[in-house]
Protein backbone atom coordinates (compact mmCIF):
# COMPACT_ATOMS: atom_id res chain seq x y z
CA MET A 1 38.38 23.40 146.34
CA ASN A 2 42.00 23.56 146.26
CA GLU A 3 41.99 20.74 143.79
CA TRP A 4 40.80 22.98 140.93
CA GLY A 5 43.69 25.27 141.42
CA SER A 6 46.29 22.63 140.83
CA PRO A 7 48.04 22.67 137.46
CA PHE A 8 47.02 19.09 136.79
CA ALA A 9 43.30 19.87 137.17
CA LEU A 10 43.59 22.97 134.99
CA GLY A 11 45.34 20.97 132.26
CA THR A 12 42.59 18.36 132.44
CA VAL A 13 39.88 21.00 131.99
CA VAL A 14 41.70 22.58 129.03
CA LEU A 15 42.24 19.16 127.52
CA ALA A 16 38.54 18.30 127.97
CA VAL A 17 37.49 21.56 126.26
CA VAL A 18 39.87 20.86 123.36
CA VAL A 19 38.46 17.31 123.02
CA ILE A 20 34.87 18.65 122.98
CA VAL A 21 35.78 21.22 120.29
CA LEU A 22 37.50 18.51 118.24
CA VAL A 23 34.48 16.18 118.54
CA ILE A 24 32.17 18.98 117.35
CA TRP A 25 34.57 19.76 114.48
CA MET A 26 34.66 16.06 113.50
CA ALA A 27 30.84 15.96 113.49
CA VAL A 28 30.73 18.98 111.15
CA LEU A 29 33.37 17.44 108.87
CA GLY A 30 31.52 14.10 108.93
CA ARG A 31 28.31 15.80 107.83
CA ARG A 32 30.15 17.59 104.99
CA LEU A 33 31.82 14.34 103.93
CA LYS A 34 28.47 12.54 103.89
CA LYS A 35 26.99 15.26 101.66
CA LEU A 36 30.02 15.17 99.35
CA ARG A 37 29.90 11.36 99.17
CA LYS A 38 26.19 11.49 98.28
CA GLN A 39 26.91 13.94 95.43
CA TYR A 40 29.84 11.80 94.25
CA VAL A 41 27.68 8.65 94.17
CA GLN A 42 24.97 10.55 92.31
CA PHE A 43 27.49 11.78 89.73
CA MET A 44 29.47 8.58 89.33
CA GLY A 45 26.55 6.17 89.61
CA GLN A 46 25.29 7.02 86.11
CA SER A 47 28.65 6.82 84.34
CA GLY A 48 29.43 3.23 85.27
CA VAL A 49 32.98 4.28 86.14
CA SER A 50 34.33 4.26 89.65
CA ASN A 51 37.20 6.67 89.01
CA LEU A 52 36.49 10.38 88.50
CA GLU A 53 39.92 10.94 86.97
CA GLU A 54 39.10 8.41 84.25
CA VAL A 55 35.86 10.23 83.44
CA LEU A 56 37.62 13.59 83.21
CA LEU A 57 40.35 12.17 80.96
CA ASP A 58 37.72 10.61 78.68
CA LEU A 59 35.90 13.95 78.47
CA ARG A 60 39.16 15.74 77.67
CA TYR A 61 39.93 13.22 74.91
CA ALA A 62 36.43 13.63 73.47
CA LEU A 63 36.80 17.43 73.45
CA ASP A 64 40.17 17.21 71.71
CA THR A 65 38.72 14.85 69.12
CA GLN A 66 35.80 17.21 68.51
CA ALA A 67 38.17 20.16 68.12
CA ASP A 68 40.19 18.23 65.53
CA LYS A 69 37.03 17.31 63.62
CA LEU A 70 35.86 20.93 63.74
CA ASN A 71 39.16 22.10 62.23
CA GLU A 72 38.82 19.43 59.55
CA PHE A 73 35.27 20.55 58.72
CA GLU A 74 36.28 24.22 58.59
CA SER A 75 39.06 23.37 56.16
CA SER A 76 36.65 21.36 54.00
CA MET A 77 34.12 24.19 54.06
CA GLY A 78 36.79 26.62 52.87
CA GLN A 79 37.73 24.34 49.99
CA LEU A 80 34.07 23.85 49.05
CA GLY A 81 33.52 27.60 49.13
CA LYS A 82 36.44 28.14 46.74
CA ALA A 83 35.17 25.41 44.41
CA LEU A 84 31.64 26.79 44.53
CA ARG A 85 32.80 30.26 43.50
CA GLN A 86 34.41 28.72 40.41
CA VAL A 87 31.27 26.84 39.37
CA LYS A 88 29.58 28.41 36.42
CA GLY A 89 26.22 28.40 38.10
CA ASN A 90 24.99 31.93 37.45
CA VAL A 91 22.65 31.92 34.47
CA GLY A 92 20.94 34.88 32.84
CA ILE A 93 18.49 34.65 29.93
CA HIS A 94 17.33 37.60 27.85
CA ARG A 95 14.76 37.16 25.05
CA TYR A 96 14.26 39.79 22.38
CA ASN A 97 13.27 40.52 18.79
CA ALA A 98 16.38 40.51 16.62
CA PHE A 99 14.51 41.77 13.56
CA ALA A 100 11.72 44.33 13.44
CA ASP A 101 9.40 42.22 11.28
CA HIS A 102 9.31 39.23 13.69
CA GLY A 103 7.42 39.18 16.97
CA SER A 104 7.21 36.93 20.04
CA ASP A 105 10.80 37.46 21.24
CA MET A 106 12.15 34.41 19.38
CA SER A 107 15.83 35.44 19.66
CA PHE A 108 17.72 34.98 22.93
CA SER A 109 21.02 35.40 24.74
CA VAL A 110 22.05 33.09 27.58
CA ALA A 111 24.99 33.92 29.85
CA ILE A 112 26.54 31.20 32.03
CA VAL A 113 29.17 32.69 34.35
CA ASP A 114 30.86 32.19 37.70
CA GLU A 115 31.49 34.84 40.36
CA ALA A 116 34.75 35.89 38.64
CA GLN A 117 32.67 36.59 35.51
CA ASN A 118 34.29 33.77 33.54
CA GLY A 119 32.05 31.66 31.33
CA VAL A 120 30.21 31.84 28.02
CA VAL A 121 27.42 33.75 26.29
CA LEU A 122 25.22 31.86 23.82
CA SER A 123 23.07 33.86 21.43
CA GLY A 124 20.40 32.58 19.10
CA LEU A 125 19.17 34.94 16.37
CA HIS A 126 15.89 33.79 14.90
CA ALA A 127 15.20 34.75 11.26
CA ARG A 128 12.22 33.72 9.12
CA ASP A 129 13.59 30.39 8.01
CA GLU A 130 16.42 29.59 10.40
CA THR A 131 18.13 30.39 13.68
CA TYR A 132 21.79 31.37 13.92
CA MET A 133 23.71 30.38 17.08
CA TYR A 134 26.77 32.21 18.38
CA ALA A 135 28.98 31.39 21.37
CA LYS A 136 31.34 33.92 22.91
CA PRO A 137 33.74 33.06 25.74
CA LEU A 138 33.93 35.39 28.73
CA LYS A 139 37.02 36.16 30.77
CA GLU A 140 36.49 38.52 33.72
CA GLY A 141 33.26 39.83 32.20
CA ALA A 142 34.76 40.68 28.81
CA SER A 143 35.06 38.77 25.55
CA ALA A 144 37.56 38.82 22.72
CA TYR A 145 34.48 39.25 20.52
CA SER A 146 32.27 42.31 20.73
CA LEU A 147 29.22 41.83 22.92
CA THR A 148 25.81 43.05 21.83
CA PRO A 149 23.64 45.00 24.29
CA GLU A 150 21.39 41.93 24.58
CA GLU A 151 24.36 39.71 25.47
CA GLN A 152 25.55 42.28 28.01
CA LYS A 153 22.06 42.32 29.51
CA ALA A 154 22.14 38.50 29.82
CA ILE A 155 25.50 38.76 31.61
CA ASN A 156 24.10 41.38 33.99
CA LEU A 157 21.08 39.17 34.66
CA ALA A 158 23.38 36.24 35.43
CA LEU A 159 25.35 38.37 37.86
CA ARG A 160 22.11 39.70 39.38
CA ARG A 161 22.87 43.29 38.42
CA GLU A 162 19.45 43.78 36.83
């Protein structure tokens, strides 16, 4: 029994305990590594690439390219929006009787304007034997020529005010 009390025997026991703990720790780490390797193979098996760094760099490049394209599209959309606001696409038509003795609203005023209220007003006044046409330019909703109430109504219709 005296043998267990010797420093050599005590060192052997401590060393054996340390080895057992290290073997258990290696088994735990081996199990974790196996699980991680399985996940890695699952992830990388579908990409056809054996290097994860390569995949991440490709994804980063694709994201940068998409961001550049998005900025390009936003710029184009801004330019299209500006151009669209300048298009004379708002049209208002008002039909009316210019003279009391004629019926059926044969006279008309047509306003063609953009959002800045620039454009033209066309008026056709129907008489018994002929129709008179007038064109008046518009700049910011006003004309150098006096506008009739019917022409003003056509402008308001074009701008969706009525």
